Amino acid sequence: METLRLDDDHSIHIICDGHMANLAGPRPLGNSIESMDLGFALQARCLEYIARGKAMNSDYVVPVPKSIDADIADAYLAINR
């Protein structure tokens, strides 16, 4: 886990190296709409990556390219500032 300290003394705890994780608890409510937006955006960009021929045909699992992951994160942060 990594903790980021903000200028206003708030903290953000990053788990799973920043990868998305499902919500759990005594009353699990599933994923929030925000995390669903991120997941769908990642899926769409990965499909585009495959469709444009950037992925090898022999790949069975295609990891999210860091550039796409960063693009989605930047877009999300820009909308939610």
Protein backbone atom coordinates (compact mmCIF):
# COMPACT_ATOMS: atom_id res chain seq x y z
CA MET A 1 0.00 0.00 0.00
CA GLU A 2 1.18 3.51 -0.79
CA THR A 3 -0.14 6.62 0.92
CA LEU A 4 -0.16 9.99 -0.81
CA ARG A 5 -0.36 13.07 1.41
CA LEU A 6 -2.24 16.00 -0.08
CA ASP A 7 -1.50 19.66 0.63
CA ASP A 8 -4.73 19.95 2.66
CA ASP A 9 -3.58 17.17 5.04
CA HIS A 10 -5.91 14.59 3.48
CA SER A 11 -4.45 11.24 2.49
CA ILE A 12 -5.13 8.83 -0.36
CA HIS A 13 -4.29 5.17 0.16
CA ILE A 14 -3.37 3.27 -3.01
CA ILE A 15 -3.72 -0.51 -2.89
CA CYS A 16 -3.06 -3.20 -5.51
CA ASP A 17 -0.47 -0.95 -7.21
CA GLY A 18 -3.37 1.28 -8.28
CA HIS A 19 -5.22 -1.47 -10.13
CA MET A 20 -8.98 -1.61 -9.81
CA ALA A 21 -10.34 -3.87 -7.07
CA ASN A 22 -13.88 -5.01 -6.36
CA LEU A 23 -15.59 -3.58 -3.30
CA ALA A 24 -16.15 -5.88 -0.36
CA GLY A 25 -17.51 -5.54 3.13
CA PRO A 26 -20.32 -6.63 5.40
CA ARG A 27 -22.85 -5.34 2.84
CA PRO A 28 -21.03 -5.46 -0.50
CA LEU A 29 -22.69 -3.11 -2.93
CA GLY A 30 -20.70 -4.06 -6.00
CA ASN A 31 -18.69 -1.59 -8.00
CA SER A 32 -19.39 2.11 -7.92
CA ILE A 33 -20.47 3.82 -11.14
CA GLU A 34 -17.09 5.58 -11.20
CA SER A 35 -15.15 2.31 -11.14
CA MET A 36 -17.47 0.89 -13.80
CA ASP A 37 -16.73 3.93 -16.01
CA LEU A 38 -13.01 3.29 -15.63
CA GLY A 39 -13.39 -0.41 -16.39
CA PHE A 40 -15.47 0.18 -19.51
CA ALA A 41 -13.08 2.87 -20.74
CA LEU A 42 -10.13 0.49 -20.28
CA GLN A 43 -11.97 -2.30 -22.10
CA ALA A 44 -12.87 -0.03 -25.01
CA ARG A 45 -9.31 1.25 -25.42
CA CYS A 46 -7.92 -2.30 -25.22
CA LEU A 47 -10.35 -3.45 -27.91
CA GLU A 48 -9.23 -0.53 -30.06
CA TYR A 49 -5.60 -1.59 -29.46
CA ILE A 50 -6.41 -5.10 -30.68
CA ALA A 51 -8.52 -3.88 -33.61
CA ARG A 52 -5.71 -1.62 -34.85
CA GLY A 53 -3.38 -4.62 -34.99
CA LYS A 54 -1.11 -3.50 -32.18
CA ALA A 55 -1.57 -6.76 -30.25
CA MET A 56 0.03 -9.99 -31.40
CA ASN A 57 -2.38 -12.61 -32.72
CA SER A 58 -0.71 -15.17 -30.50
CA ASP A 59 -1.59 -13.20 -27.34
CA TYR A 60 -4.22 -14.88 -25.25
CA VAL A 61 -4.13 -12.29 -22.53
CA VAL A 62 -3.46 -8.71 -23.54
CA PRO A 63 -2.30 -6.53 -20.65
CA VAL A 64 -3.49 -2.96 -20.55
CA PRO A 65 -0.71 -0.87 -22.10
CA LYS A 66 0.63 1.67 -19.63
CA SER A 67 -0.13 4.51 -22.07
CA ILE A 68 -3.82 3.58 -22.23
CA ASP A 69 -4.00 3.13 -18.46
CA ALA A 70 -2.45 6.58 -17.99
CA ASP A 71 -4.77 8.17 -20.60
CA ILE A 72 -7.86 6.82 -18.85
CA ALA A 73 -6.60 7.89 -15.42
CA ASP A 74 -5.79 11.40 -16.69
CA ALA A 75 -9.21 11.75 -18.35
CA TYR A 76 -10.95 10.57 -15.20
CA LEU A 77 -9.03 13.00 -13.00
CA ALA A 78 -9.70 15.89 -15.40
CA ILE A 79 -13.45 15.27 -15.23
CA ASN A 80 -13.54 14.86 -11.46
CA ARG A 81 -11.50 17.85 -10.32
